[in-house]
Amino acid sequence: MSKKVLLNSKEIEIILHRLACQLIENHNDFSDTVLIGLQPRGIFLAKRLAALLETEYKVTNLSLGFLDITFYRDDFRRRDAPLEAANTNIDFLIEGKKVVIIDDVLYSGRSVRAALTALQSYGRPENIELLVLIDRRFSRHLPIQPNYKGRQVDAINEEKVLVHWKESHKKDAVYIDIK
């Protein structure tokens, strides 16, 4: 088993700025937009984008939340080991808002489907978009596509995409784990 670097820290930084600019183009001042990072790994990307939008691009009224989808997953009861839930932290309503769901890797689409179901508890949004750092485009089980993507990767099913953030792994990098 070996790891190949897909993105280094400089490339990730460039992608984060591009994604932030695309969000600004489509959402202007973010007064009607909320960002929702999916637990556990999407929150790192969501926090980074929110920090960039606030510090570098001077967005002042940004709503950022974190959503745990553990009990909404369709494989929740199919695993041998029990899943551990994370915290949901959404202290605002999404009723009538534009919601941007943020996750690190779009693989089968099942996590996003679970997020769509979980979001119903917080209101009925006007619109929902999806932002991912990595889009594994040939691995989809559901008809879900990202509105914003950092990089598209054509990985076969046995290959695993690993996203490392400096907050949890000491440096930013994206690898493909080749068996």
N, C-alpha and C. Protein backbone atom coordinates (compact mmCIF):
# COMPACT_ATOMS: atom_id res chain seq x y z
N MET A 1 0.84 -1.16 0.00
CA MET A 1 0.00 0.00 0.00
C MET A 1 0.90 1.24 0.00
N SER A 2 0.66 2.16 -0.94
CA SER A 2 1.45 3.38 -1.00
C SER A 2 0.55 4.59 -1.21
N LYS A 3 1.07 5.75 -0.81
CA LYS A 3 0.32 6.99 -0.94
C LYS A 3 0.95 7.86 -2.01
N LYS A 4 0.11 8.40 -2.86
CA LYS A 4 0.55 9.35 -3.87
C LYS A 4 -0.06 10.70 -3.51
N VAL A 5 0.74 11.76 -3.55
CA VAL A 5 0.25 13.09 -3.23
C VAL A 5 -0.58 13.62 -4.40
N LEU A 6 -1.83 13.97 -4.11
CA LEU A 6 -2.70 14.60 -5.12
C LEU A 6 -2.60 16.12 -5.03
N LEU A 7 -2.60 16.63 -3.80
CA LEU A 7 -2.51 18.07 -3.57
C LEU A 7 -1.57 18.33 -2.40
N ASN A 8 -0.68 19.29 -2.57
CA ASN A 8 0.17 19.70 -1.45
C ASN A 8 -0.48 20.92 -0.77
N SER A 9 0.15 21.42 0.27
CA SER A 9 -0.46 22.50 1.04
C SER A 9 -0.64 23.78 0.22
N LYS A 10 0.29 24.09 -0.65
CA LYS A 10 0.18 25.30 -1.50
C LYS A 10 -0.99 25.16 -2.47
N GLU A 11 -1.14 23.98 -3.07
CA GLU A 11 -2.25 23.75 -4.00
C GLU A 11 -3.59 23.82 -3.28
N ILE A 12 -3.65 23.30 -2.06
CA ILE A 12 -4.88 23.38 -1.27
C ILE A 12 -5.22 24.83 -0.97
N GLU A 13 -4.22 25.62 -0.61
CA GLU A 13 -4.44 27.04 -0.32
C GLU A 13 -5.00 27.77 -1.54
N ILE A 14 -4.46 27.49 -2.70
CA ILE A 14 -4.95 28.11 -3.94
C ILE A 14 -6.39 27.70 -4.20
N ILE A 15 -6.69 26.43 -4.02
CA ILE A 15 -8.06 25.93 -4.22
C ILE A 15 -9.02 26.58 -3.24
N LEU A 16 -8.61 26.73 -1.98
CA LEU A 16 -9.49 27.36 -0.99
C LEU A 16 -9.83 28.80 -1.40
N HIS A 17 -8.86 29.53 -1.89
CA HIS A 17 -9.13 30.90 -2.35
C HIS A 17 -10.08 30.90 -3.56
N ARG A 18 -9.88 29.97 -4.48
CA ARG A 18 -10.77 29.88 -5.64
C ARG A 18 -12.19 29.57 -5.22
N LEU A 19 -12.34 28.61 -4.30
CA LEU A 19 -13.68 28.25 -3.83
C LEU A 19 -14.34 29.42 -3.10
N ALA A 20 -13.56 30.15 -2.30
CA ALA A 20 -14.09 31.32 -1.60
C ALA A 20 -14.57 32.38 -2.60
N CYS A 21 -13.80 32.61 -3.64
CA CYS A 21 -14.19 33.59 -4.66
C CYS A 21 -15.45 33.14 -5.41
N GLN A 22 -15.56 31.85 -5.69
CA GLN A 22 -16.77 31.34 -6.36
C GLN A 22 -17.99 31.53 -5.47
N LEU A 23 -17.84 31.30 -4.17
CA LEU A 23 -18.95 31.51 -3.24
C LEU A 23 -19.34 32.99 -3.21
N ILE A 24 -18.38 33.88 -3.19
CA ILE A 24 -18.67 35.32 -3.19
C ILE A 24 -19.40 35.71 -4.47
N GLU A 25 -18.97 35.19 -5.62
CA GLU A 25 -19.64 35.49 -6.89
C GLU A 25 -21.11 35.12 -6.85
N ASN A 26 -21.43 34.00 -6.22
CA ASN A 26 -22.81 33.51 -6.22
C ASN A 26 -23.64 33.96 -5.03
N HIS A 27 -22.99 34.40 -3.94
CA HIS A 27 -23.74 34.72 -2.73
C HIS A 27 -23.50 36.13 -2.20
N ASN A 28 -22.74 36.94 -2.90
CA ASN A 28 -22.47 38.34 -2.54
C ASN A 28 -22.11 38.53 -1.08
N ASP A 29 -23.03 39.10 -0.29
CA ASP A 29 -22.72 39.45 1.10
C ASP A 29 -23.10 38.35 2.10
N PHE A 30 -23.63 37.25 1.64
CA PHE A 30 -23.99 36.09 2.46
C PHE A 30 -25.12 36.37 3.45
N SER A 31 -25.89 37.42 3.22
CA SER A 31 -26.98 37.76 4.15
C SER A 31 -28.08 36.70 4.12
N ASP A 32 -28.25 36.02 3.00
CA ASP A 32 -29.27 34.97 2.89
C ASP A 32 -28.65 33.58 2.72
N THR A 33 -27.38 33.44 3.04
CA THR A 33 -26.65 32.19 2.82
C THR A 33 -26.05 31.69 4.13
N VAL A 34 -26.11 30.37 4.32
CA VAL A 34 -25.45 29.74 5.47
C VAL A 34 -24.53 28.63 4.97
N LEU A 35 -23.44 28.44 5.68
CA LEU A 35 -22.51 27.36 5.36
C LEU A 35 -22.68 26.28 6.41
N ILE A 36 -22.78 25.01 5.95
CA ILE A 36 -22.95 23.88 6.86
C ILE A 36 -21.86 22.85 6.55
N GLY A 37 -20.94 22.66 7.48
CA GLY A 37 -19.89 21.65 7.35
C GLY A 37 -20.38 20.32 7.88
N LEU A 38 -20.15 19.25 7.13
CA LEU A 38 -20.57 17.92 7.56
C LEU A 38 -19.53 17.33 8.51
N GLN A 39 -20.00 16.82 9.63
CA GLN A 39 -19.15 16.15 10.60
C GLN A 39 -18.76 14.78 10.05
N PRO A 40 -17.61 14.28 10.28
CA PRO A 40 -16.55 14.91 11.06
C PRO A 40 -15.54 15.69 10.22
N ARG A 41 -15.33 15.32 8.96
CA ARG A 41 -14.20 15.89 8.21
C ARG A 41 -14.54 17.14 7.42
N GLY A 42 -15.80 17.36 7.10
CA GLY A 42 -16.17 18.55 6.35
C GLY A 42 -16.04 19.83 7.14
N ILE A 43 -15.98 19.70 8.47
CA ILE A 43 -15.89 20.92 9.29
C ILE A 43 -14.54 21.61 9.13
N PHE A 44 -13.49 20.87 8.84
CA PHE A 44 -12.18 21.49 8.64
C PHE A 44 -12.21 22.41 7.41
N LEU A 45 -12.80 21.92 6.33
CA LEU A 45 -12.93 22.71 5.12
C LEU A 45 -13.86 23.90 5.35
N ALA A 46 -14.97 23.67 6.03
CA ALA A 46 -15.94 24.74 6.30
C ALA A 46 -15.30 25.85 7.15
N LYS A 47 -14.57 25.47 8.18
CA LYS A 47 -13.91 26.46 9.04
C LYS A 47 -12.88 27.26 8.26
N ARG A 48 -12.11 26.58 7.42
CA ARG A 48 -11.09 27.26 6.62
C ARG A 48 -11.72 28.26 5.65
N LEU A 49 -12.80 27.82 4.98
CA LEU A 49 -13.46 28.73 4.04
C LEU A 49 -14.07 29.92 4.76
N ALA A 50 -14.71 29.68 5.90
CA ALA A 50 -15.31 30.77 6.66
C ALA A 50 -14.23 31.76 7.11
N ALA A 51 -13.10 31.25 7.58
CA ALA A 51 -12.01 32.13 8.01
C ALA A 51 -11.48 32.96 6.84
N LEU A 52 -11.32 32.34 5.68
CA LEU A 52 -10.87 33.06 4.48
C LEU A 52 -11.87 34.14 4.09
N LEU A 53 -13.15 33.78 4.06
CA LEU A 53 -14.18 34.73 3.68
C LEU A 53 -14.20 35.93 4.62
N GLU A 54 -14.02 35.69 5.91
CA GLU A 54 -14.07 36.77 6.89
C GLU A 54 -12.81 37.61 6.91
N THR A 55 -11.65 36.97 6.86
CA THR A 55 -10.40 37.74 7.00
C THR A 55 -9.89 38.30 5.68
N GLU A 56 -9.83 37.49 4.66
CA GLU A 56 -9.26 37.93 3.38
C GLU A 56 -10.26 38.70 2.52
N TYR A 57 -11.55 38.30 2.58
CA TYR A 57 -12.54 38.89 1.69
C TYR A 57 -13.57 39.75 2.42
N LYS A 58 -13.38 39.95 3.73
CA LYS A 58 -14.16 40.87 4.55
C LYS A 58 -15.67 40.63 4.52
N VAL A 59 -16.08 39.37 4.48
CA VAL A 59 -17.49 39.02 4.61
C VAL A 59 -17.82 39.11 6.09
N THR A 60 -18.83 39.90 6.44
CA THR A 60 -19.09 40.18 7.86
C THR A 60 -20.24 39.40 8.47
N ASN A 61 -21.22 39.02 7.70
CA ASN A 61 -22.40 38.35 8.30
C ASN A 61 -22.49 36.90 7.84
N LEU A 62 -21.51 36.13 8.23
CA LEU A 62 -21.42 34.73 7.80
C LEU A 62 -21.97 33.81 8.88
N SER A 63 -22.89 32.94 8.50
CA SER A 63 -23.42 31.93 9.42
C SER A 63 -22.79 30.59 9.08
N LEU A 64 -22.16 29.98 10.08
CA LEU A 64 -21.46 28.71 9.90
C LEU A 64 -21.99 27.71 10.93
N GLY A 65 -22.38 26.54 10.45
CA GLY A 65 -22.84 25.49 11.34
C GLY A 65 -22.19 24.16 10.98
N PHE A 66 -22.35 23.19 11.90
CA PHE A 66 -21.79 21.86 11.69
C PHE A 66 -22.90 20.85 11.90
N LEU A 67 -23.01 19.90 10.98
CA LEU A 67 -24.11 18.94 10.99
C LEU A 67 -23.58 17.52 11.12
N ASP A 68 -24.10 16.80 12.12
CA ASP A 68 -23.78 15.38 12.27
C ASP A 68 -24.87 14.58 11.57
N ILE A 69 -24.47 13.68 10.68
CA ILE A 69 -25.42 12.90 9.90
C ILE A 69 -25.44 11.42 10.29
N THR A 70 -24.79 11.08 11.39
CA THR A 70 -24.62 9.68 11.79
C THR A 70 -25.91 8.89 11.74
N PHE A 71 -26.95 9.40 12.39
CA PHE A 71 -28.20 8.63 12.52
C PHE A 71 -29.11 8.77 11.30
N TYR A 72 -28.67 9.51 10.29
CA TYR A 72 -29.42 9.65 9.04
C TYR A 72 -28.83 8.80 7.93
N ARG A 73 -27.69 8.18 8.19
CA ARG A 73 -27.01 7.37 7.18
C ARG A 73 -27.80 6.09 6.89
N ASP A 74 -27.81 5.66 5.65
CA ASP A 74 -28.54 4.43 5.31
C ASP A 74 -27.79 3.17 5.71
N ASP A 75 -26.53 3.31 6.11
CA ASP A 75 -25.76 2.15 6.57
C ASP A 75 -25.59 2.16 8.09
N PHE A 76 -26.36 2.98 8.78
CA PHE A 76 -26.23 3.13 10.23
C PHE A 76 -26.33 1.80 10.96
N ARG A 77 -27.27 0.95 10.60
CA ARG A 77 -27.47 -0.31 11.30
C ARG A 77 -26.78 -1.49 10.60
N ARG A 78 -26.05 -1.24 9.56
CA ARG A 78 -25.42 -2.32 8.80
C ARG A 78 -23.96 -2.54 9.17
N ARG A 79 -23.44 -1.79 10.07
CA ARG A 79 -22.03 -1.90 10.42
C ARG A 79 -21.84 -2.83 11.60
N ASP A 80 -20.68 -3.47 11.65
CA ASP A 80 -20.36 -4.35 12.77
C ASP A 80 -20.13 -3.55 14.05
N ALA A 81 -19.36 -2.49 13.94
CA ALA A 81 -19.08 -1.64 15.10
C ALA A 81 -20.05 -0.46 15.09
N PRO A 82 -20.52 -0.06 16.26
CA PRO A 82 -21.44 1.09 16.30
C PRO A 82 -20.73 2.38 15.88
N LEU A 83 -21.47 3.23 15.20
CA LEU A 83 -20.93 4.52 14.79
C LEU A 83 -20.95 5.47 15.98
N GLU A 84 -19.97 6.33 16.05
CA GLU A 84 -19.94 7.35 17.10
C GLU A 84 -20.43 8.66 16.53
N ALA A 85 -21.43 9.22 17.18
CA ALA A 85 -21.99 10.49 16.71
C ALA A 85 -21.09 11.65 17.10
N ALA A 86 -21.11 12.69 16.28
CA ALA A 86 -20.40 13.94 16.57
C ALA A 86 -21.47 14.97 16.96
N ASN A 87 -21.04 16.17 17.26
CA ASN A 87 -21.97 17.22 17.65
C ASN A 87 -22.51 17.96 16.45
N THR A 88 -23.79 18.26 16.49
CA THR A 88 -24.38 19.19 15.54
C THR A 88 -24.39 20.54 16.21
N ASN A 89 -23.95 21.55 15.48
CA ASN A 89 -23.95 22.90 16.02
C ASN A 89 -24.51 23.83 14.95
N ILE A 90 -25.83 23.97 14.95
CA ILE A 90 -26.51 24.89 14.05
C ILE A 90 -27.41 25.74 14.94
N ASP A 91 -26.99 26.96 15.19
CA ASP A 91 -27.75 27.82 16.09
C ASP A 91 -28.54 28.89 15.34
N PHE A 92 -29.00 28.51 14.15
CA PHE A 92 -29.81 29.41 13.32
C PHE A 92 -30.78 28.56 12.51
N LEU A 93 -31.85 29.18 12.04
CA LEU A 93 -32.80 28.48 11.17
C LEU A 93 -32.32 28.60 9.73
N ILE A 94 -32.63 27.61 8.95
CA ILE A 94 -32.26 27.66 7.53
C ILE A 94 -33.48 27.95 6.66
N GLU A 95 -34.61 28.20 7.29
CA GLU A 95 -35.85 28.50 6.58
C GLU A 95 -35.64 29.66 5.61
N GLY A 96 -35.88 29.41 4.33
CA GLY A 96 -35.77 30.45 3.32
C GLY A 96 -34.35 30.88 2.98
N LYS A 97 -33.36 30.21 3.52
CA LYS A 97 -31.95 30.56 3.27
C LYS A 97 -31.37 29.73 2.14
N LYS A 98 -30.27 30.20 1.60
CA LYS A 98 -29.48 29.42 0.66
C LYS A 98 -28.45 28.68 1.52
N VAL A 99 -28.42 27.37 1.39
CA VAL A 99 -27.53 26.54 2.21
C VAL A 99 -26.43 25.97 1.32
N VAL A 100 -25.19 26.09 1.79
CA VAL A 100 -24.06 25.45 1.11
C VAL A 100 -23.56 24.35 2.04
N ILE A 101 -23.78 23.10 1.63
CA ILE A 101 -23.26 21.95 2.38
C ILE A 101 -21.79 21.77 1.98
N ILE A 102 -20.93 21.57 2.97
CA ILE A 102 -19.49 21.48 2.72
C ILE A 102 -18.97 20.16 3.26
N ASP A 103 -18.26 19.41 2.40
CA ASP A 103 -17.63 18.17 2.82
C ASP A 103 -16.28 18.05 2.13
N ASP A 104 -15.42 17.18 2.65
CA ASP A 104 -14.08 17.06 2.09
C ASP A 104 -14.06 16.26 0.80
N VAL A 105 -14.72 15.09 0.78
CA VAL A 105 -14.68 14.22 -0.40
C VAL A 105 -16.11 13.79 -0.75
N LEU A 106 -16.47 13.93 -2.01
CA LEU A 106 -17.73 13.39 -2.51
C LEU A 106 -17.41 12.06 -3.17
N TYR A 107 -17.92 11.01 -2.56
CA TYR A 107 -17.62 9.65 -3.04
C TYR A 107 -18.90 9.04 -3.61
N SER A 108 -19.69 8.37 -2.80
CA SER A 108 -20.88 7.70 -3.30
C SER A 108 -22.10 8.63 -3.35
N GLY A 109 -22.09 9.69 -2.56
CA GLY A 109 -23.23 10.60 -2.47
C GLY A 109 -24.13 10.30 -1.28
N ARG A 110 -23.86 9.22 -0.57
CA ARG A 110 -24.73 8.81 0.54
C ARG A 110 -24.65 9.78 1.72
N SER A 111 -23.51 10.34 2.00
CA SER A 111 -23.40 11.32 3.08
C SER A 111 -24.21 12.58 2.76
N VAL A 112 -24.17 13.00 1.52
CA VAL A 112 -24.93 14.18 1.13
C VAL A 112 -26.42 13.89 1.21
N ARG A 113 -26.84 12.70 0.80
CA ARG A 113 -28.25 12.33 0.92
C ARG A 113 -28.68 12.37 2.38
N ALA A 114 -27.84 11.85 3.26
CA ALA A 114 -28.14 11.89 4.70
C ALA A 114 -28.22 13.33 5.20
N ALA A 115 -27.33 14.18 4.72
CA ALA A 115 -27.33 15.59 5.12
C ALA A 115 -28.62 16.29 4.68
N LEU A 116 -29.09 15.98 3.47
CA LEU A 116 -30.33 16.58 2.99
C LEU A 116 -31.49 16.21 3.90
N THR A 117 -31.53 14.97 4.34
CA THR A 117 -32.59 14.53 5.26
C THR A 117 -32.45 15.21 6.62
N ALA A 118 -31.24 15.26 7.14
CA ALA A 118 -31.00 15.86 8.46
C ALA A 118 -31.33 17.35 8.47
N LEU A 119 -31.07 18.04 7.37
CA LEU A 119 -31.32 19.48 7.31
C LEU A 119 -32.80 19.83 7.46
N GLN A 120 -33.67 18.91 7.14
CA GLN A 120 -35.11 19.18 7.24
C GLN A 120 -35.52 19.56 8.66
N SER A 121 -34.77 19.14 9.65
CA SER A 121 -35.06 19.48 11.05
C SER A 121 -34.83 20.95 11.35
N TYR A 122 -34.15 21.66 10.48
CA TYR A 122 -33.79 23.05 10.72
C TYR A 122 -34.53 24.04 9.83
N GLY A 123 -35.52 23.56 9.10
CA GLY A 123 -36.31 24.43 8.24
C GLY A 123 -36.22 24.02 6.79
N ARG A 124 -36.95 24.75 5.97
CA ARG A 124 -36.97 24.47 4.54
C ARG A 124 -36.16 25.56 3.82
N PRO A 125 -34.99 25.22 3.34
CA PRO A 125 -34.16 26.23 2.67
C PRO A 125 -34.71 26.61 1.30
N GLU A 126 -34.31 27.78 0.85
CA GLU A 126 -34.68 28.22 -0.50
C GLU A 126 -33.93 27.40 -1.55
N ASN A 127 -32.68 27.08 -1.23
CA ASN A 127 -31.80 26.45 -2.20
C ASN A 127 -30.70 25.72 -1.43
N ILE A 128 -30.23 24.60 -1.95
CA ILE A 128 -29.11 23.88 -1.34
C ILE A 128 -28.06 23.63 -2.42
N GLU A 129 -26.82 23.96 -2.08
CA GLU A 129 -25.69 23.71 -2.97
C GLU A 129 -24.69 22.82 -2.23
N LEU A 130 -23.79 22.22 -2.99
CA LEU A 130 -22.78 21.33 -2.42
C LEU A 130 -21.39 21.80 -2.84
N LEU A 131 -20.50 21.93 -1.85
CA LEU A 131 -19.11 22.28 -2.08
C LEU A 131 -18.24 21.18 -1.51
N VAL A 132 -17.32 20.66 -2.32
CA VAL A 132 -16.40 19.61 -1.87
C VAL A 132 -14.98 19.96 -2.31
N LEU A 133 -14.02 19.51 -1.53
CA LEU A 133 -12.63 19.68 -1.92
C LEU A 133 -12.28 18.70 -3.03
N ILE A 134 -12.69 17.42 -2.87
CA ILE A 134 -12.38 16.38 -3.84
C ILE A 134 -13.67 15.74 -4.34
N ASP A 135 -13.82 15.67 -5.65
CA ASP A 135 -14.96 14.99 -6.28
C ASP A 135 -14.45 13.72 -6.95
N ARG A 136 -14.82 12.58 -6.37
CA ARG A 136 -14.48 11.28 -6.99
C ARG A 136 -15.59 10.96 -7.97
N ARG A 137 -15.49 11.45 -9.17
CA ARG A 137 -16.62 11.50 -10.07
C ARG A 137 -17.14 10.15 -10.54
N PHE A 138 -16.36 9.11 -10.60
CA PHE A 138 -16.85 7.83 -11.13
C PHE A 138 -17.29 6.87 -10.03
N SER A 139 -17.49 7.36 -8.83
CA SER A 139 -17.82 6.48 -7.70
C SER A 139 -19.23 6.67 -7.17
N ARG A 140 -20.04 7.45 -7.87
CA ARG A 140 -21.35 7.83 -7.36
C ARG A 140 -22.33 6.68 -7.37
N HIS A 141 -23.07 6.53 -6.26
CA HIS A 141 -24.18 5.58 -6.18
C HIS A 141 -25.51 6.30 -6.33
N LEU A 142 -25.49 7.61 -6.09
CA LEU A 142 -26.69 8.44 -6.16
C LEU A 142 -26.45 9.59 -7.13
N PRO A 143 -27.51 10.14 -7.72
CA PRO A 143 -27.34 11.22 -8.71
C PRO A 143 -27.09 12.57 -8.03
N ILE A 144 -25.94 12.70 -7.39
CA ILE A 144 -25.57 13.92 -6.66
C ILE A 144 -24.27 14.45 -7.25
N GLN A 145 -24.27 15.75 -7.58
CA GLN A 145 -23.09 16.38 -8.15
C GLN A 145 -22.79 17.66 -7.37
N PRO A 146 -21.51 18.02 -7.23
CA PRO A 146 -21.18 19.25 -6.50
C PRO A 146 -21.38 20.49 -7.36
N ASN A 147 -21.77 21.58 -6.71
CA ASN A 147 -21.83 22.88 -7.38
C ASN A 147 -20.44 23.52 -7.43
N TYR A 148 -19.64 23.22 -6.41
CA TYR A 148 -18.28 23.74 -6.30
C TYR A 148 -17.36 22.58 -5.95
N LYS A 149 -16.26 22.47 -6.67
CA LYS A 149 -15.31 21.40 -6.35
C LYS A 149 -13.89 21.93 -6.49
N GLY A 150 -13.06 21.47 -5.58
CA GLY A 150 -11.67 21.87 -5.62
C GLY A 150 -10.91 21.14 -6.70
N ARG A 151 -11.06 19.83 -6.70
CA ARG A 151 -10.36 19.00 -7.69
C ARG A 151 -11.18 17.76 -7.97
N GLN A 152 -11.21 17.35 -9.20
CA GLN A 152 -11.89 16.13 -9.61
C GLN A 152 -10.86 15.03 -9.74
N VAL A 153 -11.18 13.87 -9.16
CA VAL A 153 -10.24 12.75 -9.14
C VAL A 153 -10.93 11.52 -9.71
N ASP A 154 -10.25 10.85 -10.59
CA ASP A 154 -10.78 9.61 -11.15
C ASP A 154 -10.08 8.44 -10.46
N ALA A 155 -10.58 8.11 -9.28
CA ALA A 155 -10.00 7.01 -8.50
C ALA A 155 -10.92 5.80 -8.63
N ILE A 156 -10.32 4.62 -8.75
CA ILE A 156 -11.13 3.42 -8.80
C ILE A 156 -11.54 3.04 -7.39
N ASN A 157 -12.52 2.17 -7.26
CA ASN A 157 -13.14 1.88 -5.97
C ASN A 157 -12.18 1.40 -4.89
N GLU A 158 -11.13 0.68 -5.25
CA GLU A 158 -10.21 0.18 -4.24
C GLU A 158 -9.27 1.27 -3.72
N GLU A 159 -9.14 2.35 -4.47
CA GLU A 159 -8.28 3.44 -4.05
C GLU A 159 -9.05 4.36 -3.09
N LYS A 160 -8.33 4.87 -2.13
CA LYS A 160 -8.95 5.72 -1.12
C LYS A 160 -8.33 7.10 -1.17
N VAL A 161 -9.16 8.13 -1.11
CA VAL A 161 -8.68 9.51 -1.06
C VAL A 161 -8.61 9.93 0.40
N LEU A 162 -7.44 10.38 0.83
CA LEU A 162 -7.22 10.79 2.21
C LEU A 162 -6.91 12.28 2.26
N VAL A 163 -7.72 13.03 2.99
CA VAL A 163 -7.51 14.46 3.14
C VAL A 163 -6.93 14.71 4.53
N HIS A 164 -5.77 15.33 4.57
CA HIS A 164 -5.11 15.66 5.83
C HIS A 164 -5.13 17.19 6.01
N TRP A 165 -5.61 17.62 7.16
CA TRP A 165 -5.63 19.06 7.50
C TRP A 165 -4.60 19.31 8.59
N LYS A 166 -3.99 20.47 8.55
CA LYS A 166 -2.96 20.77 9.56
C LYS A 166 -3.55 20.79 10.96
N GLU A 167 -4.84 21.05 11.10
CA GLU A 167 -5.47 21.05 12.42
C GLU A 167 -5.49 19.65 13.06
N SER A 168 -5.51 18.62 12.23
CA SER A 168 -5.59 17.26 12.78
C SER A 168 -4.40 16.37 12.40
N HIS A 169 -3.68 16.71 11.33
CA HIS A 169 -2.58 15.88 10.85
C HIS A 169 -1.25 16.62 10.74
N LYS A 170 -1.19 17.83 11.24
CA LYS A 170 0.04 18.65 11.27
C LYS A 170 0.41 19.29 9.94
N LYS A 171 -0.19 18.86 8.82
CA LYS A 171 0.04 19.54 7.55
C LYS A 171 -1.12 19.27 6.60
N ASP A 172 -1.31 20.19 5.66
CA ASP A 172 -2.35 20.04 4.65
C ASP A 172 -1.82 19.22 3.49
N ALA A 173 -2.58 18.21 3.09
CA ALA A 173 -2.23 17.41 1.92
C ALA A 173 -3.41 16.51 1.58
N VAL A 174 -3.51 16.15 0.32
CA VAL A 174 -4.49 15.16 -0.13
C VAL A 174 -3.72 14.05 -0.81
N TYR A 175 -4.00 12.82 -0.38
CA TYR A 175 -3.31 11.64 -0.92
C TYR A 175 -4.31 10.72 -1.55
N ILE A 176 -3.81 9.90 -2.45
CA ILE A 176 -4.59 8.75 -2.92
C ILE A 176 -3.83 7.52 -2.43
N ASP A 177 -4.55 6.67 -1.72
CA ASP A 177 -3.97 5.46 -1.14
C ASP A 177 -4.12 4.34 -2.18
N ILE A 178 -3.01 3.94 -2.76
CA ILE A 178 -3.01 2.93 -3.81
C ILE A 178 -2.67 1.58 -3.22
N LYS A 179 -3.50 0.60 -3.48
CA LYS A 179 -3.28 -0.73 -2.93
C LYS A 179 -2.40 -1.55 -3.82
